[in-house]
N, C-alpha and C. Protein backbone atom coordinates (compact mmCIF):
# COMPACT_ATOMS: atom_id res chain seq x y z
N MET A 1 60.50 142.97 -14.15
CA MET A 1 60.22 143.34 -13.23
C MET A 1 61.34 143.79 -12.44
N ASN A 2 62.54 143.58 -12.42
CA ASN A 2 63.97 143.48 -11.88
C ASN A 2 64.19 145.44 -12.34
N ASN A 3 63.89 145.88 -13.71
CA ASN A 3 64.30 147.06 -14.13
C ASN A 3 63.45 148.12 -13.62
N MET A 4 62.12 147.67 -12.80
CA MET A 4 61.42 149.10 -12.83
C MET A 4 61.88 149.66 -11.94
N LEU A 5 62.77 150.04 -10.48
CA LEU A 5 63.66 151.08 -9.50
C LEU A 5 65.03 151.39 -10.55
N ASP A 6 65.31 150.77 -11.81
CA ASP A 6 66.27 151.62 -12.22
C ASP A 6 66.46 152.85 -12.62
N GLU A 7 65.10 153.45 -12.79
CA GLU A 7 64.98 154.86 -13.23
C GLU A 7 64.97 156.02 -12.14
N GLN A 8 65.23 155.77 -11.26
CA GLN A 8 64.71 156.07 -9.17
C GLN A 8 63.67 157.06 -9.53
N SER A 9 62.60 156.36 -10.08
CA SER A 9 61.34 157.53 -9.74
C SER A 9 61.20 157.71 -8.32
N PHE A 10 61.31 156.81 -7.80
CA PHE A 10 61.05 157.15 -6.14
C PHE A 10 62.54 157.11 -5.40
N SER A 11 62.51 157.89 -4.22
CA SER A 11 63.75 158.20 -3.58
C SER A 11 64.56 157.08 -2.80
N ASN A 12 65.81 156.99 -2.38
CA ASN A 12 66.16 156.01 -2.25
C ASN A 12 65.04 155.79 -0.54
N ASN A 13 65.24 156.56 -0.14
CA ASN A 13 64.58 156.50 1.22
C ASN A 13 63.21 155.94 0.88
N ALA A 14 62.05 156.14 0.29
CA ALA A 14 61.23 156.07 -0.45
C ALA A 14 61.48 154.41 -0.62
N GLN A 15 62.51 153.89 -1.27
CA GLN A 15 62.65 152.55 -1.72
C GLN A 15 62.44 151.55 -0.14
N VAL A 16 63.46 152.18 0.51
CA VAL A 16 63.80 151.53 2.09
C VAL A 16 62.57 151.53 3.22
N ALA A 17 61.48 152.40 2.53
CA ALA A 17 60.72 152.51 3.47
C ALA A 17 59.71 151.26 3.00
N PHE A 18 59.87 151.05 1.22
CA PHE A 18 58.71 150.18 0.63
C PHE A 18 59.27 148.68 1.48
N THR A 19 60.63 148.25 1.59
CA THR A 19 61.12 147.35 1.94
C THR A 19 60.67 146.71 3.56
N LEU A 20 60.81 147.60 4.09
CA LEU A 20 60.99 147.90 5.62
C LEU A 20 59.05 147.47 6.08
N LEU A 21 58.56 147.76 5.22
CA LEU A 21 56.91 148.25 5.29
C LEU A 21 56.69 146.47 4.90
N THR A 22 56.98 146.09 3.60
CA THR A 22 56.97 144.81 3.41
C THR A 22 57.59 143.36 4.25
N ALA A 23 58.37 144.26 4.61
CA ALA A 23 59.21 143.16 6.13
C ALA A 23 58.27 143.27 7.20
N ALA A 24 57.62 144.22 7.56
CA ALA A 24 57.25 144.07 8.78
C ALA A 24 55.45 143.74 8.93
N SER A 25 55.07 143.56 7.67
CA SER A 25 53.63 143.63 7.29
C SER A 25 53.15 142.14 8.06
N ASP A 26 51.95 141.88 8.36
CA ASP A 26 51.51 140.95 8.05
C ASP A 26 51.32 140.06 7.23
N PRO A 27 51.96 138.11 7.05
CA PRO A 27 52.03 137.71 6.10
C PRO A 27 50.81 137.94 5.32
N ASP A 28 49.63 137.11 6.33
CA ASP A 28 48.19 137.41 5.22
C ASP A 28 47.97 138.63 4.42
N GLN A 29 48.69 139.72 4.80
CA GLN A 29 48.62 140.59 3.80
C GLN A 29 49.64 141.25 3.02
N LYS A 30 51.03 140.17 3.12
CA LYS A 30 52.14 140.61 2.23
C LYS A 30 52.12 140.89 0.73
N ASP A 31 51.34 139.99 0.20
CA ASP A 31 50.62 139.74 -1.20
C ASP A 31 49.75 140.63 -1.59
N ILE A 32 49.28 141.52 -0.70
CA ILE A 32 48.35 142.55 -1.14
C ILE A 32 49.34 144.41 -1.45
N LEU A 33 49.97 143.98 -0.28
CA LEU A 33 51.05 144.87 -0.18
C LEU A 33 51.95 145.11 -1.43
N ILE A 34 52.58 143.69 -1.52
CA ILE A 34 53.67 143.26 -2.74
C ILE A 34 53.21 144.34 -3.99
N ARG A 35 51.68 144.04 -4.21
CA ARG A 35 50.96 143.89 -5.91
C ARG A 35 50.33 145.84 -5.41
N LEU A 36 50.45 145.68 -4.24
CA LEU A 36 50.28 147.88 -3.84
C LEU A 36 51.45 148.52 -4.66
N ILE A 37 52.75 147.99 -3.91
CA ILE A 37 53.95 148.60 -4.20
C ILE A 37 54.32 148.62 -5.88
N VAL A 38 54.12 147.24 -6.57
CA VAL A 38 53.96 147.16 -7.39
C VAL A 38 53.61 148.19 -8.59
N ASN A 39 51.98 148.09 -8.11
CA ASN A 39 51.05 149.11 -9.04
C ASN A 39 51.98 150.80 -8.93
N LEU A 40 52.26 150.71 -7.47
CA LEU A 40 53.09 152.42 -7.52
C LEU A 40 54.14 152.74 -8.33
N ILE A 41 55.05 151.55 -8.07
CA ILE A 41 55.93 151.79 -9.08
C ILE A 41 56.26 151.80 -10.28
N THR A 42 55.15 150.96 -11.21
CA THR A 42 54.83 151.29 -12.34
C THR A 42 53.81 152.13 -12.89
N GLU A 43 53.07 152.99 -11.88
CA GLU A 43 52.35 154.07 -12.16
C GLU A 43 53.52 155.17 -12.38
N ALA A 44 54.28 155.27 -11.54
CA ALA A 44 55.60 156.14 -11.55
C ALA A 44 56.12 156.24 -12.47
N GLU A 45 56.31 155.44 -13.50
CA GLU A 45 57.59 155.25 -14.41
C GLU A 45 56.45 156.11 -15.79
């Protein structure tokens, strides 16, 4: 999982947006949001 972003499949701005979205999300929804982002990243490879 640590190497998912190495190939720059998403721009730096998109990665920052993912990070901010996760940080600002409702704690009850954080797990779902993280799984969604991981799925997006792995599908983009």
